[in-house]
């Protein structure tokens, strides 16, 4: 039996046989819990599947702090905040300390 047929049988009510809106086999005349309970449970399951799928696919946020002192110095030099002589002097000072 294929998955769609199995799902259709699981979702259809015995009185109506119309699938998703009749609450997983309870129907409107069955127990009185047709769509309100069965439909809400099915929507909850669908929502959980979507939530966890998005959570798995979404890339986790990474913290990009200032980095090492040499990285900060290189960024400042690349941005033009300091000149070449200052960059070399500060780099030598960082290496010697």
N, C-alpha and C. Protein backbone atom coordinates (compact mmCIF):
# COMPACT_ATOMS: atom_id res chain seq x y z
N UNK A 1 0.86 -1.18 0.00
CA UNK A 1 0.00 0.00 0.00
C UNK A 1 0.90 1.24 0.00
N UNK A 2 0.66 2.17 -0.87
CA UNK A 2 1.51 3.35 -0.94
C UNK A 2 1.16 4.35 0.19
N UNK A 3 2.04 5.31 0.39
CA UNK A 3 1.90 6.25 1.50
C UNK A 3 0.68 7.14 1.39
N UNK A 4 0.35 7.59 0.20
CA UNK A 4 -0.80 8.47 0.04
C UNK A 4 -2.11 7.76 0.35
N UNK A 5 -2.22 6.51 -0.06
CA UNK A 5 -3.42 5.74 0.25
C UNK A 5 -3.54 5.51 1.75
N UNK A 6 -2.43 5.19 2.38
CA UNK A 6 -2.42 4.99 3.83
C UNK A 6 -2.82 6.27 4.54
N UNK A 7 -2.28 7.40 4.11
CA UNK A 7 -2.62 8.68 4.72
C UNK A 7 -4.10 9.01 4.50
N UNK A 8 -4.62 8.72 3.32
CA UNK A 8 -6.02 8.99 3.03
C UNK A 8 -6.93 8.16 3.92
N UNK A 9 -6.57 6.90 4.16
CA UNK A 9 -7.37 6.06 5.05
C UNK A 9 -7.28 6.53 6.48
N UNK A 10 -6.12 6.99 6.89
CA UNK A 10 -5.93 7.47 8.26
C UNK A 10 -6.72 8.75 8.51
N UNK A 11 -6.80 9.61 7.50
CA UNK A 11 -7.45 10.91 7.66
C UNK A 11 -8.95 10.88 7.39
N UNK A 12 -9.46 9.86 6.73
CA UNK A 12 -10.87 9.89 6.35
C UNK A 12 -11.75 9.43 7.51
N UNK A 13 -12.89 10.06 7.63
CA UNK A 13 -13.86 9.66 8.64
C UNK A 13 -14.74 8.54 8.15
N UNK A 14 -15.25 7.69 9.05
CA UNK A 14 -16.05 6.55 8.62
C UNK A 14 -17.39 6.96 8.02
N UNK A 15 -17.97 8.09 8.47
CA UNK A 15 -19.27 8.49 7.96
C UNK A 15 -19.17 9.18 6.61
N UNK A 16 -18.15 10.00 6.43
CA UNK A 16 -18.07 10.84 5.25
C UNK A 16 -16.99 10.39 4.27
N UNK A 17 -15.84 9.96 4.79
CA UNK A 17 -14.75 9.53 3.93
C UNK A 17 -14.15 10.65 3.12
N UNK A 18 -14.09 11.87 3.70
CA UNK A 18 -13.60 13.02 2.95
C UNK A 18 -12.25 13.53 3.44
N UNK A 19 -11.49 12.78 4.12
CA UNK A 19 -10.11 13.15 4.40
C UNK A 19 -9.87 14.08 5.56
N UNK A 20 -8.97 15.01 5.36
CA UNK A 20 -8.32 15.79 6.41
C UNK A 20 -9.28 16.51 7.36
N UNK A 21 -10.36 17.06 6.90
CA UNK A 21 -11.22 17.88 7.73
C UNK A 21 -12.12 17.10 8.67
N UNK A 22 -12.10 15.79 8.61
CA UNK A 22 -13.01 15.02 9.45
C UNK A 22 -12.31 14.33 10.60
N UNK A 23 -11.11 14.70 10.92
CA UNK A 23 -10.48 14.36 12.16
C UNK A 23 -10.01 12.94 12.36
N UNK A 24 -9.31 12.37 11.46
CA UNK A 24 -8.63 11.12 11.70
C UNK A 24 -9.55 9.96 12.04
N UNK A 25 -10.67 9.82 11.37
CA UNK A 25 -11.52 8.67 11.56
C UNK A 25 -12.67 8.88 12.52
N UNK A 26 -12.86 10.06 13.05
CA UNK A 26 -13.94 10.28 14.00
C UNK A 26 -15.18 10.87 13.36
N UNK A 27 -15.04 11.69 12.36
CA UNK A 27 -16.18 12.25 11.65
C UNK A 27 -17.05 13.13 12.53
N UNK A 28 -18.03 13.78 11.93
CA UNK A 28 -18.89 14.69 12.69
C UNK A 28 -19.91 13.94 13.53
N UNK A 29 -20.33 12.77 13.12
CA UNK A 29 -21.36 12.03 13.84
C UNK A 29 -20.77 11.00 14.80
N UNK A 30 -19.48 10.74 14.72
CA UNK A 30 -18.86 9.69 15.53
C UNK A 30 -18.84 10.00 17.01
N UNK A 31 -17.85 10.73 17.48
CA UNK A 31 -17.70 11.00 18.90
C UNK A 31 -17.95 12.46 19.24
N UNK A 32 -18.16 13.29 18.26
CA UNK A 32 -18.33 14.71 18.52
C UNK A 32 -17.02 15.47 18.56
N UNK A 33 -15.92 14.78 18.37
CA UNK A 33 -14.60 15.42 18.38
C UNK A 33 -14.01 15.43 16.98
N UNK A 34 -14.81 15.47 15.94
CA UNK A 34 -14.34 15.39 14.56
C UNK A 34 -13.22 16.34 14.24
N UNK A 35 -13.51 17.47 13.65
CA UNK A 35 -12.46 18.40 13.25
C UNK A 35 -11.76 19.07 14.44
N UNK A 36 -12.47 19.48 15.48
CA UNK A 36 -11.77 20.23 16.52
C UNK A 36 -10.57 19.50 17.11
N UNK A 37 -10.67 18.21 17.37
CA UNK A 37 -9.54 17.51 17.99
C UNK A 37 -8.64 16.90 16.93
N UNK A 38 -9.22 16.10 16.04
CA UNK A 38 -8.41 15.42 15.03
C UNK A 38 -7.69 16.38 14.10
N UNK A 39 -8.39 17.42 13.66
CA UNK A 39 -7.78 18.40 12.76
C UNK A 39 -6.70 19.21 13.42
N UNK A 40 -6.94 19.58 14.68
CA UNK A 40 -5.93 20.35 15.41
C UNK A 40 -4.68 19.51 15.65
N UNK A 41 -4.86 18.24 15.99
CA UNK A 41 -3.71 17.36 16.20
C UNK A 41 -2.91 17.22 14.90
N UNK A 42 -3.60 17.06 13.79
CA UNK A 42 -2.90 16.94 12.51
C UNK A 42 -2.17 18.23 12.15
N UNK A 43 -2.80 19.37 12.41
CA UNK A 43 -2.12 20.65 12.14
C UNK A 43 -0.92 20.84 13.07
N UNK A 44 -1.05 20.39 14.30
CA UNK A 44 0.07 20.48 15.25
C UNK A 44 1.25 19.63 14.78
N UNK A 45 0.97 18.42 14.33
CA UNK A 45 2.03 17.55 13.82
C UNK A 45 2.69 18.18 12.59
N UNK A 46 1.89 18.71 11.69
CA UNK A 46 2.43 19.36 10.50
C UNK A 46 3.28 20.57 10.88
N UNK A 47 2.82 21.35 11.84
CA UNK A 47 3.58 22.51 12.30
C UNK A 47 4.91 22.11 12.92
N UNK A 48 4.92 21.04 13.70
CA UNK A 48 6.17 20.56 14.31
C UNK A 48 7.16 20.08 13.26
N UNK A 49 6.65 19.40 12.24
CA UNK A 49 7.52 18.94 11.15
C UNK A 49 8.16 20.14 10.45
N UNK A 50 7.37 21.15 10.15
CA UNK A 50 7.89 22.34 9.48
C UNK A 50 8.89 23.06 10.38
N UNK A 51 8.58 23.21 11.66
CA UNK A 51 9.46 23.91 12.60
C UNK A 51 10.84 23.24 12.67
N UNK A 52 10.86 21.92 12.86
CA UNK A 52 12.14 21.24 12.99
C UNK A 52 12.90 21.16 11.67
N UNK A 53 12.19 21.11 10.55
CA UNK A 53 12.86 21.13 9.25
C UNK A 53 13.56 22.47 9.03
N UNK A 54 12.88 23.56 9.32
CA UNK A 54 13.48 24.89 9.18
C UNK A 54 14.65 25.04 10.14
N UNK A 55 14.50 24.53 11.33
CA UNK A 55 15.57 24.64 12.33
C UNK A 55 16.82 23.87 11.91
N UNK A 56 16.64 22.72 11.27
CA UNK A 56 17.78 21.94 10.80
C UNK A 56 18.46 22.59 9.61
N UNK A 57 17.67 23.20 8.73
CA UNK A 57 18.22 23.80 7.52
C UNK A 57 18.91 25.13 7.80
N UNK A 58 18.34 25.90 8.73
CA UNK A 58 18.87 27.24 9.00
C UNK A 58 20.29 27.16 9.54
N UNK A 59 21.13 28.00 9.04
CA UNK A 59 22.53 28.04 9.43
C UNK A 59 22.64 28.67 10.82
N UNK A 60 23.35 28.02 11.74
CA UNK A 60 23.49 28.61 13.07
C UNK A 60 24.32 29.89 13.03
N UNK A 61 23.96 30.81 13.88
CA UNK A 61 24.68 32.09 13.94
C UNK A 61 26.06 31.87 14.55
N UNK A 62 27.04 32.48 13.95
CA UNK A 62 28.40 32.38 14.48
C UNK A 62 28.81 33.73 15.04
N UNK A 63 29.56 33.68 16.09
CA UNK A 63 30.03 34.92 16.72
C UNK A 63 31.34 35.34 16.06
N UNK A 64 31.35 36.50 15.47
CA UNK A 64 32.58 36.99 14.86
C UNK A 64 33.06 38.18 15.68
N UNK A 65 33.85 37.88 16.69
CA UNK A 65 34.39 38.91 17.57
C UNK A 65 35.50 39.66 16.88
N UNK A 66 36.18 40.50 17.63
CA UNK A 66 37.24 41.32 17.03
C UNK A 66 38.44 40.51 16.57
N UNK A 67 38.65 39.32 17.12
CA UNK A 67 39.77 38.49 16.71
C UNK A 67 41.03 38.80 17.52
N UNK A 68 42.15 38.33 17.01
CA UNK A 68 43.42 38.55 17.68
C UNK A 68 43.87 39.99 17.44
N UNK A 69 44.81 40.46 18.24
CA UNK A 69 45.32 41.82 18.03
C UNK A 69 45.92 42.03 16.63
N UNK A 70 46.54 41.00 16.09
CA UNK A 70 47.12 41.13 14.75
C UNK A 70 45.99 41.26 13.71
N UNK A 71 44.89 40.53 13.91
CA UNK A 71 43.74 40.65 13.00
C UNK A 71 43.17 42.06 13.03
N UNK A 72 43.05 42.62 14.23
CA UNK A 72 42.53 43.98 14.36
C UNK A 72 43.47 44.97 13.67
N UNK A 73 44.74 44.76 13.85
CA UNK A 73 45.74 45.63 13.22
C UNK A 73 45.66 45.54 11.69
N UNK A 74 45.51 44.33 11.17
CA UNK A 74 45.40 44.16 9.72
C UNK A 74 44.13 44.82 9.18
N UNK A 75 43.03 44.71 9.92
CA UNK A 75 41.79 45.37 9.48
C UNK A 75 41.94 46.89 9.48
N UNK A 76 42.59 47.42 10.50
CA UNK A 76 42.78 48.87 10.56
C UNK A 76 43.66 49.36 9.42
N UNK A 77 44.70 48.58 9.08
CA UNK A 77 45.58 48.94 7.98
C UNK A 77 44.82 48.85 6.64
N UNK A 78 44.02 47.79 6.48
CA UNK A 78 43.26 47.62 5.24
C UNK A 78 42.20 48.72 5.09
N UNK A 79 41.65 49.19 6.21
CA UNK A 79 40.63 50.24 6.15
C UNK A 79 41.24 51.62 5.96
N UNK A 80 42.57 51.73 6.05
CA UNK A 80 43.23 53.01 5.86
C UNK A 80 43.29 53.86 7.12
N UNK A 81 43.03 53.26 8.29
CA UNK A 81 43.08 54.02 9.54
C UNK A 81 44.52 54.33 9.96
N UNK A 82 45.44 53.44 9.58
CA UNK A 82 46.86 53.64 9.93
C UNK A 82 47.69 53.50 8.66
N UNK A 83 48.86 54.12 8.68
CA UNK A 83 49.74 54.04 7.51
C UNK A 83 50.68 52.84 7.64
N UNK A 84 51.51 52.64 6.61
CA UNK A 84 52.38 51.47 6.54
C UNK A 84 53.41 51.44 7.67
N UNK A 85 54.01 52.58 7.96
CA UNK A 85 55.04 52.61 9.01
C UNK A 85 54.44 52.29 10.38
N UNK A 86 53.27 52.84 10.65
CA UNK A 86 52.60 52.57 11.92
C UNK A 86 52.21 51.10 12.00
N UNK A 87 51.71 50.55 10.90
CA UNK A 87 51.32 49.14 10.86
C UNK A 87 52.51 48.25 11.18
N UNK A 88 53.66 48.50 10.51
CA UNK A 88 54.84 47.66 10.74
C UNK A 88 55.38 47.82 12.15
N UNK A 89 55.40 49.03 12.66
CA UNK A 89 55.89 49.25 14.02
C UNK A 89 55.00 48.53 15.04
N UNK A 90 53.68 48.65 14.87
CA UNK A 90 52.77 48.01 15.82
C UNK A 90 52.82 46.49 15.69
N UNK A 91 53.00 45.99 14.48
CA UNK A 91 53.08 44.56 14.27
C UNK A 91 54.36 43.99 14.92
N UNK A 92 55.48 44.69 14.76
CA UNK A 92 56.72 44.26 15.39
C UNK A 92 56.59 44.29 16.92
N UNK A 93 55.94 45.31 17.42
CA UNK A 93 55.74 45.43 18.87
C UNK A 93 54.89 44.28 19.41
N UNK A 94 53.85 43.92 18.66
CA UNK A 94 52.99 42.80 19.09
C UNK A 94 53.75 41.48 19.06
N UNK A 95 54.60 41.29 18.09
CA UNK A 95 55.36 40.04 17.99
C UNK A 95 56.42 39.95 19.09
N UNK A 96 57.01 41.06 19.47
CA UNK A 96 58.06 41.06 20.48
C UNK A 96 57.52 41.00 21.90
N UNK A 97 56.28 41.27 22.10
CA UNK A 97 55.76 41.26 23.49
C UNK A 97 55.06 39.99 23.85
